[in-house]
Amino acid sequence: RASTRLLRLEVQLEVAEKDKSTIESQQARLKDTVLTLASDYTWPDLEGLNGKNRLRDELRVRLSEQTGEVPIRNILFTQFVVQ
């Protein structure tokens, strides 16, 4: 029997001050992108620093597609708990 794990993930995007309102207006779409991508990962995919960095890199690509001209400076995991 496969074990089930729950991921609690909070992400913050760093963008230029002038772009904050644009990002906030797209918040629902960006959350959907994060949840959809994270749900494709298994626990072994996320283990260790390499797994988290891979998720961060893929999030940067996917979220940048959503934000268009708004450059994402950094993606921060402000909460990352697997139970």
C-alpha atoms as a PDB file:
ATOM      1  CA  ARG A   1       0.000   0.000   0.000  1.00  0.00           C
ATOM      2  CA  ALA A   2       1.365   3.397  -0.967  1.00  0.00           C
ATOM      3  CA  SER A   3       1.693   5.944   1.777  1.00  0.00           C
ATOM      4  CA  THR A   4      -0.024   9.282   1.387  1.00  0.00           C
ATOM      5  CA  ARG A   5       1.755  12.488   2.265  1.00  0.00           C
ATOM      6  CA  LEU A   6       0.486  16.014   2.525  1.00  0.00           C
ATOM      7  CA  LEU A   7       2.523  19.000   1.332  1.00  0.00           C
ATOM      8  CA  ARG A   8       1.936  22.416   2.865  1.00  0.00           C
ATOM      9  CA  LEU A   9       3.663  24.937   0.662  1.00  0.00           C
ATOM     10  CA  GLU A  10       3.678  28.710   0.792  1.00  0.00           C
ATOM     11  CA  VAL A  11       5.407  30.668  -1.924  1.00  0.00           C
ATOM     12  CA  GLN A  12       6.270  34.336  -2.183  1.00  0.00           C
ATOM     13  CA  LEU A  13       7.340  36.018  -5.386  1.00  0.00           C
ATOM     14  CA  GLU A  14       9.848  38.846  -5.414  1.00  0.00           C
ATOM     15  CA  VAL A  15       9.095  41.393  -8.114  1.00  0.00           C
ATOM     16  CA  ALA A  16       9.877  45.066  -8.640  1.00  0.00           C
ATOM     17  CA  GLU A  17       7.758  47.456  -6.577  1.00  0.00           C
ATOM     18  CA  LYS A  18       6.104  48.807  -9.748  1.00  0.00           C
ATOM     19  CA  ASP A  19       4.931  45.289 -10.668  1.00  0.00           C
ATOM     20  CA  LYS A  20       3.318  44.310  -7.352  1.00  0.00           C
ATOM     21  CA  SER A  21      -0.209  45.355  -8.327  1.00  0.00           C
ATOM     22  CA  THR A  22       0.033  43.366 -11.567  1.00  0.00           C
ATOM     23  CA  ILE A  23       1.081  40.248  -9.648  1.00  0.00           C
ATOM     24  CA  GLU A  24      -1.668  40.760  -7.050  1.00  0.00           C
ATOM     25  CA  SER A  25      -4.284  41.015  -9.808  1.00  0.00           C
ATOM     26  CA  GLN A  26      -3.131  37.617 -11.126  1.00  0.00           C
ATOM     27  CA  GLN A  27      -2.982  35.963  -7.714  1.00  0.00           C
ATOM     28  CA  ALA A  28      -5.660  33.310  -8.349  1.00  0.00           C
ATOM     29  CA  ARG A  29      -4.074  32.234 -11.646  1.00  0.00           C
ATOM     30  CA  LEU A  30      -0.609  32.087 -10.077  1.00  0.00           C
ATOM     31  CA  LYS A  31      -1.855  30.029  -7.099  1.00  0.00           C
ATOM     32  CA  ASP A  32      -3.481  27.609  -9.523  1.00  0.00           C
ATOM     33  CA  THR A  33      -0.193  27.252 -11.391  1.00  0.00           C
ATOM     34  CA  VAL A  34       1.709  26.522  -8.157  1.00  0.00           C
ATOM     35  CA  LEU A  35      -0.852  23.976  -6.951  1.00  0.00           C
ATOM     36  CA  THR A  36      -1.086  22.234 -10.305  1.00  0.00           C
ATOM     37  CA  LEU A  37       2.679  21.927 -10.655  1.00  0.00           C
ATOM     38  CA  ALA A  38       3.312  20.890  -7.041  1.00  0.00           C
ATOM     39  CA  SER A  39       0.688  18.157  -7.285  1.00  0.00           C
ATOM     40  CA  ASP A  40       2.739  16.504 -10.038  1.00  0.00           C
ATOM     41  CA  TYR A  41       5.655  15.990  -7.644  1.00  0.00           C
ATOM     42  CA  THR A  42       6.085  12.961  -5.416  1.00  0.00           C
ATOM     43  CA  TRP A  43       7.805  12.985  -2.043  1.00  0.00           C
ATOM     44  CA  PRO A  44      11.036  11.501  -3.483  1.00  0.00           C
ATOM     45  CA  ASP A  45      10.992  14.274  -6.135  1.00  0.00           C
ATOM     46  CA  LEU A  46      11.004  16.916  -3.379  1.00  0.00           C
ATOM     47  CA  GLU A  47      13.520  15.390  -0.981  1.00  0.00           C
ATOM     48  CA  GLY A  48      16.672  17.341  -0.344  1.00  0.00           C
ATOM     49  CA  LEU A  49      17.919  20.641  -1.639  1.00  0.00           C
ATOM     50  CA  ASN A  50      18.072  19.458  -5.256  1.00  0.00           C
ATOM     51  CA  GLY A  51      14.398  18.517  -5.269  1.00  0.00           C
ATOM     52  CA  LYS A  52      13.325  21.853  -3.833  1.00  0.00           C
ATOM     53  CA  ASN A  53      15.542  23.742  -6.266  1.00  0.00           C
ATOM     54  CA  ARG A  54      14.089  21.764  -9.174  1.00  0.00           C
ATOM     55  CA  LEU A  55      10.570  22.712  -8.072  1.00  0.00           C
ATOM     56  CA  ARG A  56      11.645  26.359  -7.669  1.00  0.00           C
ATOM     57  CA  ASP A  57      13.208  26.402 -11.161  1.00  0.00           C
ATOM     58  CA  GLU A  58      10.141  24.876 -12.753  1.00  0.00           C
ATOM     59  CA  LEU A  59       7.890  27.296 -10.872  1.00  0.00           C
ATOM     60  CA  ARG A  60       9.966  30.207 -12.196  1.00  0.00           C
ATOM     61  CA  VAL A  61       9.418  29.024 -15.779  1.00  0.00           C
ATOM     62  CA  ARG A  62       5.692  28.369 -15.367  1.00  0.00           C
ATOM     63  CA  LEU A  63       4.953  31.526 -13.391  1.00  0.00           C
ATOM     64  CA  SER A  64       6.960  33.644 -15.821  1.00  0.00           C
ATOM     65  CA  GLU A  65       4.749  32.316 -18.599  1.00  0.00           C
ATOM     66  CA  GLN A  66       1.734  33.579 -16.613  1.00  0.00           C
ATOM     67  CA  THR A  67       3.137  36.995 -15.707  1.00  0.00           C
ATOM     68  CA  GLY A  68       4.398  37.833 -19.184  1.00  0.00           C
ATOM     69  CA  GLU A  69       6.409  41.040 -19.075  1.00  0.00           C
ATOM     70  CA  VAL A  70       6.693  41.105 -15.276  1.00  0.00           C
ATOM     71  CA  PRO A  71      10.075  39.606 -14.344  1.00  0.00           C
ATOM     72  CA  ILE A  72      10.134  37.423 -11.244  1.00  0.00           C
ATOM     73  CA  ARG A  73      13.301  38.224  -9.295  1.00  0.00           C
ATOM     74  CA  ASN A  74      13.067  35.325  -6.901  1.00  0.00           C
ATOM     75  CA  ILE A  75      10.761  32.585  -5.653  1.00  0.00           C
ATOM     76  CA  LEU A  76      10.837  32.009  -1.917  1.00  0.00           C
ATOM     77  CA  PHE A  77       9.440  29.015  -0.062  1.00  0.00           C
ATOM     78  CA  THR A  78       8.161  30.595   3.146  1.00  0.00           C
ATOM     79  CA  GLN A  79       6.659  27.299   4.292  1.00  0.00           C
ATOM     80  CA  PHE A  80       7.545  23.802   3.127  1.00  0.00           C
ATOM     81  CA  VAL A  81       6.171  20.979   5.282  1.00  0.00           C
ATOM     82  CA  VAL A  82       5.610  17.382   4.251  1.00  0.00           C
ATOM     83  CA  GLN A  83       3.618  15.156   6.594  1.00  0.00           C
END
